[in-house]
Amino acid sequence: MSSEEREFKCPYCDTGFKTEKELNKHIDNIHIGRGLLEGDRSKY
């Protein structure tokens, strides 16, 4: 699937995703990082 066919684009890196859920997961994991609620305490 080419990037033109993907509906949801990341505002940070322009990567395309098929669903909004995939986009949100990408943003949380790659651009924002996992927080304390997800069990990552390395930043705190």
PDB file of N, CA and C in Angstrom:
ATOM      1  N   MET A   1       0.863  -1.188   0.000  1.00  0.00           N
ATOM      2  CA  MET A   1       0.000   0.000   0.000  1.00  0.00           C
ATOM      3  C   MET A   1       0.897   1.234   0.000  1.00  0.00           C
ATOM      4  N   SER A   2       0.664   2.131  -0.910  1.00  0.00           N
ATOM      5  CA  SER A   2       1.472   3.347  -0.973  1.00  0.00           C
ATOM      6  C   SER A   2       0.985   4.363   0.045  1.00  0.00           C
ATOM      7  N   SER A   3       1.826   5.342   0.344  1.00  0.00           N
ATOM      8  CA  SER A   3       1.474   6.340   1.351  1.00  0.00           C
ATOM      9  C   SER A   3       0.270   7.176   0.921  1.00  0.00           C
ATOM     10  N   GLU A   4       0.030   7.292  -0.402  1.00  0.00           N
ATOM     11  CA  GLU A   4      -1.124   8.059  -0.870  1.00  0.00           C
ATOM     12  C   GLU A   4      -2.444   7.366  -0.533  1.00  0.00           C
ATOM     13  N   GLU A   5      -2.407   6.033  -0.377  1.00  0.00           N
ATOM     14  CA  GLU A   5      -3.618   5.269  -0.091  1.00  0.00           C
ATOM     15  C   GLU A   5      -3.942   5.224   1.397  1.00  0.00           C
ATOM     16  N   ARG A   6      -3.026   5.633   2.214  1.00  0.00           N
ATOM     17  CA  ARG A   6      -3.257   5.591   3.657  1.00  0.00           C
ATOM     18  C   ARG A   6      -3.949   6.862   4.093  1.00  0.00           C
ATOM     19  N   GLU A   7      -4.928   6.706   4.950  1.00  0.00           N
ATOM     20  CA  GLU A   7      -5.817   7.808   5.300  1.00  0.00           C
ATOM     21  C   GLU A   7      -5.276   8.726   6.386  1.00  0.00           C
ATOM     22  N   PHE A   8      -4.533   8.193   7.339  1.00  0.00           N
ATOM     23  CA  PHE A   8      -4.101   8.973   8.494  1.00  0.00           C
ATOM     24  C   PHE A   8      -2.596   9.218   8.440  1.00  0.00           C
ATOM     25  N   LYS A   9      -2.187  10.481   8.420  1.00  0.00           N
ATOM     26  CA  LYS A   9      -0.768  10.832   8.357  1.00  0.00           C
ATOM     27  C   LYS A   9      -0.302  11.410   9.684  1.00  0.00           C
ATOM     28  N   CYS A  10       0.888  11.004  10.082  1.00  0.00           N
ATOM     29  CA  CYS A  10       1.497  11.516  11.302  1.00  0.00           C
ATOM     30  C   CYS A  10       1.896  12.974  11.091  1.00  0.00           C
ATOM     31  N   PRO A  11       1.483  13.866  11.996  1.00  0.00           N
ATOM     32  CA  PRO A  11       1.839  15.277  11.849  1.00  0.00           C
ATOM     33  C   PRO A  11       3.317  15.552  12.134  1.00  0.00           C
ATOM     34  N   TYR A  12       4.005  14.591  12.751  1.00  0.00           N
ATOM     35  CA  TYR A  12       5.414  14.766  13.096  1.00  0.00           C
ATOM     36  C   TYR A  12       6.349  14.305  11.980  1.00  0.00           C
ATOM     37  N   CYS A  13       6.033  13.170  11.342  1.00  0.00           N
ATOM     38  CA  CYS A  13       6.965  12.607  10.363  1.00  0.00           C
ATOM     39  C   CYS A  13       6.320  12.228   9.032  1.00  0.00           C
ATOM     40  N   ASP A  14       5.036  12.502   8.857  1.00  0.00           N
ATOM     41  CA  ASP A  14       4.301  12.225   7.617  1.00  0.00           C
ATOM     42  C   ASP A  14       4.181  10.739   7.260  1.00  0.00           C
ATOM     43  N   THR A  15       4.414   9.848   8.207  1.00  0.00           N
ATOM     44  CA  THR A  15       4.188   8.430   7.973  1.00  0.00           C
ATOM     45  C   THR A  15       2.687   8.188   7.881  1.00  0.00           C
ATOM     46  N   GLY A  16       2.258   7.344   6.948  1.00  0.00           N
ATOM     47  CA  GLY A  16       0.835   7.077   6.763  1.00  0.00           C
ATOM     48  C   GLY A  16       0.385   5.812   7.473  1.00  0.00           C
ATOM     49  N   PHE A  17      -0.851   5.817   7.958  1.00  0.00           N
ATOM     50  CA  PHE A  17      -1.434   4.668   8.659  1.00  0.00           C
ATOM     51  C   PHE A  17      -2.841   4.417   8.162  1.00  0.00           C
ATOM     52  N   LYS A  18      -3.268   3.152   8.228  1.00  0.00           N
ATOM     53  CA  LYS A  18      -4.593   2.772   7.752  1.00  0.00           C
ATOM     54  C   LYS A  18      -5.704   3.197   8.705  1.00  0.00           C
ATOM     55  N   THR A  19      -5.394   3.214  10.002  1.00  0.00           N
ATOM     56  CA  THR A  19      -6.421   3.554  10.985  1.00  0.00           C
ATOM     57  C   THR A  19      -5.925   4.636  11.928  1.00  0.00           C
ATOM     58  N   GLU A  20      -6.875   5.338  12.527  1.00  0.00           N
ATOM     59  CA  GLU A  20      -6.533   6.364  13.507  1.00  0.00           C
ATOM     60  C   GLU A  20      -5.894   5.734  14.743  1.00  0.00           C
ATOM     61  N   LYS A  21      -6.322   4.531  15.088  1.00  0.00           N
ATOM     62  CA  LYS A  21      -5.764   3.825  16.245  1.00  0.00           C
ATOM     63  C   LYS A  21      -4.280   3.546  16.037  1.00  0.00           C
ATOM     64  N   GLU A  22      -3.909   3.107  14.818  1.00  0.00           N
ATOM     65  CA  GLU A  22      -2.496   2.859  14.510  1.00  0.00           C
ATOM     66  C   GLU A  22      -1.694   4.153  14.587  1.00  0.00           C
ATOM     67  N   LEU A  23      -2.259   5.242  14.079  1.00  0.00           N
ATOM     68  CA  LEU A  23      -1.593   6.547  14.129  1.00  0.00           C
ATOM     69  C   LEU A  23      -1.372   6.986  15.573  1.00  0.00           C
ATOM     70  N   ASN A  24      -2.397   6.881  16.391  1.00  0.00           N
ATOM     71  CA  ASN A  24      -2.281   7.283  17.798  1.00  0.00           C
ATOM     72  C   ASN A  24      -1.223   6.463  18.533  1.00  0.00           C
ATOM     73  N   LYS A  25      -1.182   5.170  18.258  1.00  0.00           N
ATOM     74  CA  LYS A  25      -0.195   4.295  18.893  1.00  0.00           C
ATOM     75  C   LYS A  25       1.217   4.701  18.457  1.00  0.00           C
ATOM     76  N   HIS A  26       1.384   4.987  17.170  1.00  0.00           N
ATOM     77  CA  HIS A  26       2.678   5.437  16.642  1.00  0.00           C
ATOM     78  C   HIS A  26       3.133   6.721  17.330  1.00  0.00           C
ATOM     79  N   ILE A  27       2.242   7.698  17.427  1.00  0.00           N
ATOM     80  CA  ILE A  27       2.585   8.983  18.051  1.00  0.00           C
ATOM     81  C   ILE A  27       2.971   8.777  19.507  1.00  0.00           C
ATOM     82  N   ASP A  28       2.178   7.985  20.223  1.00  0.00           N
ATOM     83  CA  ASP A  28       2.468   7.732  21.646  1.00  0.00           C
ATOM     84  C   ASP A  28       3.818   7.040  21.826  1.00  0.00           C
ATOM     85  N   ASN A  29       4.107   6.039  21.004  1.00  0.00           N
ATOM     86  CA  ASN A  29       5.324   5.243  21.189  1.00  0.00           C
ATOM     87  C   ASN A  29       6.571   5.896  20.613  1.00  0.00           C
ATOM     88  N   ILE A  30       6.454   6.579  19.501  1.00  0.00           N
ATOM     89  CA  ILE A  30       7.633   7.095  18.812  1.00  0.00           C
ATOM     90  C   ILE A  30       7.914   8.554  19.151  1.00  0.00           C
ATOM     91  N   HIS A  31       6.912   9.395  19.121  1.00  0.00           N
ATOM     92  CA  HIS A  31       7.142  10.831  19.251  1.00  0.00           C
ATOM     93  C   HIS A  31       6.967  11.356  20.668  1.00  0.00           C
ATOM     94  N   ILE A  32       6.050  10.794  21.426  1.00  0.00           N
ATOM     95  CA  ILE A  32       5.804  11.267  22.788  1.00  0.00           C
ATOM     96  C   ILE A  32       6.495  10.371  23.799  1.00  0.00           C
ATOM     97  N   GLY A  33       6.471   9.083  23.556  1.00  0.00           N
ATOM     98  CA  GLY A  33       7.079   8.125  24.468  1.00  0.00           C
ATOM     99  C   GLY A  33       6.060   7.625  25.466  1.00  0.00           C
ATOM    100  N   ARG A  34       6.346   6.464  25.976  1.00  0.00           N
ATOM    101  CA  ARG A  34       5.437   5.877  26.956  1.00  0.00           C
ATOM    102  C   ARG A  34       5.615   6.567  28.294  1.00  0.00           C
ATOM    103  N   GLY A  35       4.518   6.837  28.924  1.00  0.00           N
ATOM    104  CA  GLY A  35       4.545   7.542  30.204  1.00  0.00           C
ATOM    105  C   GLY A  35       4.469   6.611  31.386  1.00  0.00           C
ATOM    106  N   LEU A  36       4.334   7.182  32.525  1.00  0.00           N
ATOM    107  CA  LEU A  36       4.291   6.440  33.776  1.00  0.00           C
ATOM    108  C   LEU A  36       3.125   5.448  33.810  1.00  0.00           C
ATOM    109  N   LEU A  37       1.989   5.822  33.230  1.00  0.00           N
ATOM    110  CA  LEU A  37       0.820   4.944  33.248  1.00  0.00           C
ATOM    111  C   LEU A  37       1.047   3.665  32.459  1.00  0.00           C
ATOM    112  N   GLU A  38       1.927   3.705  31.464  1.00  0.00           N
ATOM    113  CA  GLU A  38       2.204   2.518  30.677  1.00  0.00           C
ATOM    114  C   GLU A  38       3.318   1.670  31.285  1.00  0.00           C
ATOM    115  N   GLY A  39       3.876   2.095  32.414  1.00  0.00           N
ATOM    116  CA  GLY A  39       4.871   1.316  33.111  1.00  0.00           C
ATOM    117  C   GLY A  39       6.305   1.718  32.846  1.00  0.00           C
ATOM    118  N   ASP A  40       6.534   2.745  32.023  1.00  0.00           N
ATOM    119  CA  ASP A  40       7.890   3.193  31.748  1.00  0.00           C
ATOM    120  C   ASP A  40       8.273   4.251  32.766  1.00  0.00           C
ATOM    121  N   ARG A  41       9.127   3.881  33.701  1.00  0.00           N
ATOM    122  CA  ARG A  41       9.550   4.817  34.743  1.00  0.00           C
ATOM    123  C   ARG A  41      10.957   5.361  34.492  1.00  0.00           C
ATOM    124  N   SER A  42      11.502   5.094  33.315  1.00  0.00           N
ATOM    125  CA  SER A  42      12.885   5.485  33.039  1.00  0.00           C
ATOM    126  C   SER A  42      13.078   6.992  32.983  1.00  0.00           C
ATOM    127  N   LYS A  43      12.031   7.751  32.706  1.00  0.00           N
ATOM    128  CA  LYS A  43      12.143   9.199  32.632  1.00  0.00           C
ATOM    129  C   LYS A  43      11.964   9.875  33.977  1.00  0.00           C
ATOM    130  N   TYR A  44      11.551   9.099  34.995  1.00  0.00           N
ATOM    131  CA  TYR A  44      11.191   9.701  36.276  1.00  0.00           C
ATOM    132  C   TYR A  44      12.143   9.317  37.378  1.00  0.00           C
TER     133      TYR A  44
END
